Amino acid sequence: MVSEDFKSMLQGKSVIRQLSEYATARGAEIGYENVFDYSLGNPSVPTPKSFTDAMIRLLTEEDPMTIHGYSQSQGIPRVRQAHADFLNRKYGMKYTAEHLFMTTGAAGAIAHATRAVTKPGDEVVTIAPFFPEYMQYINRTGAELKVVPAKTSDFQIDFDAMDAAINEKTMAVLINSPNNPSGAMYSEDTLKKLAALMYEKQDKFGHDIFLISDEPYREIVFDGKEAPYPAHYYDNTLTCYSYSKSLSIPGERIGYVAVNPAATDADIISVMCGQISRGIGHNCPPSIIQLAVSEVLGETADLSVYERNMNILYDELTALGFEVTRPGGTFYIMPKAPGGDSIAFCNKAKEYDLILVPADSFSAPGFFRMAYCIDTEKVERSLEALRRLMKTY
């Protein structure tokens, strides 16, 4: 007999994936260039040549056993050391190789980080809006995800609600800044205030509360700013990162957990993650990808197209009368749906071959998400369809 638990998940297929599949099918009918598909957050800019060159060099010059063999459970030692050195230079930290654990993207990083600091029955607090897969990442560890409602005026943290949400069962707080789906970025002052609250709660409840910081959009920040590094402000921080967006290599599935050296048990959490892998079948990301990213640390794809697309959409959306918070980063924007029914609005948008995602599954009902990681030319052509849609409202 198959698992009824996982069988039941078939009825709850991702709305994003469903819309992406619809867009592909519609594209087969009218040409995909005529479908304005804002559904899937799939990076659209070319991978940097330096990464491709690193891959070619590794394949042609390195010992095949080095690039194709198993790595250690924590990842290749020199790769972890390279990451530690880079993060120390960039963010003024004190990582060593023993504080790094290589993962299959940010999803793998969150899966390991959560298991490292919770047990079944514990709670993890996150802030709406949030990536819907957090529910699976957290709840399937045996812990339970608790959600702080969205502060829809600006999608920053509602600290009164956060204060009420953290209780004696809370073992971690999971944040995502810059944020999918809103594009909001937490300021340095916000992170300091969050850290102060979490230190206060640790003292009150007499146990560690870890900050799990999900940071795959760290380099996609607008207006010449940089995303503050949360581990700077709170000792018990586990930084979860992915190169999917910064290097435009989502299919390579590579990321890491970086354990703040000041955290409780900082010297053993990475080793613990290696043991966690035994239970979830992680067993290390590919050696060649670990080595390739370690050769291009600090480099990114040309991410400027995302800011250009954001400005085009933000200007048009505001001109058309949408209520929308200007993103501070990522490649997402989340306007309020006219009439307040985001599902009805997104269904209506399909009539104009606009594929928009209702944000109900992000715990932000009444809003919709646009993933503008598409060609700028297509963004510009989509504006007329958006105007025609709005005439019906």
Foldseek 3Di string as FASTA:
>chain_A
DDDPVVVVCVVVPDLLVVLVVVLVVVCVVVNSLQFAAQRDQAFQFAFDVLLVVLLVCCVPPPDCCQQFPADALQANQVLLQLVQVLCCVVAVARFHSLQKGKFQALLRLLLLVLLLFAAAPAEEEEEFLADLCVQVSRVVRNYGYDYQAAPVLARADPVVSVLVPDDLRAQEYEYEACGPPALAGDDPVSLLVVQVSLVVRCVVNVHHYAYEYEYAFQPFFDDPDGHHDSCVRHQRYWYRYGQCHFRVCSVQRIIMIGGRPSHVVSSCSSVVSSVVCVVVVGRDRRSSSSSSCSVVPPHGGPSVVLVVLLVVVVVLCVVLPWAWHRRRGDNKTKTFAVVQAQVVLQVLLVVLSHHWAQSVSSSPRRIIMGRRSDDSVSSVVCSVSVVVSSVVD
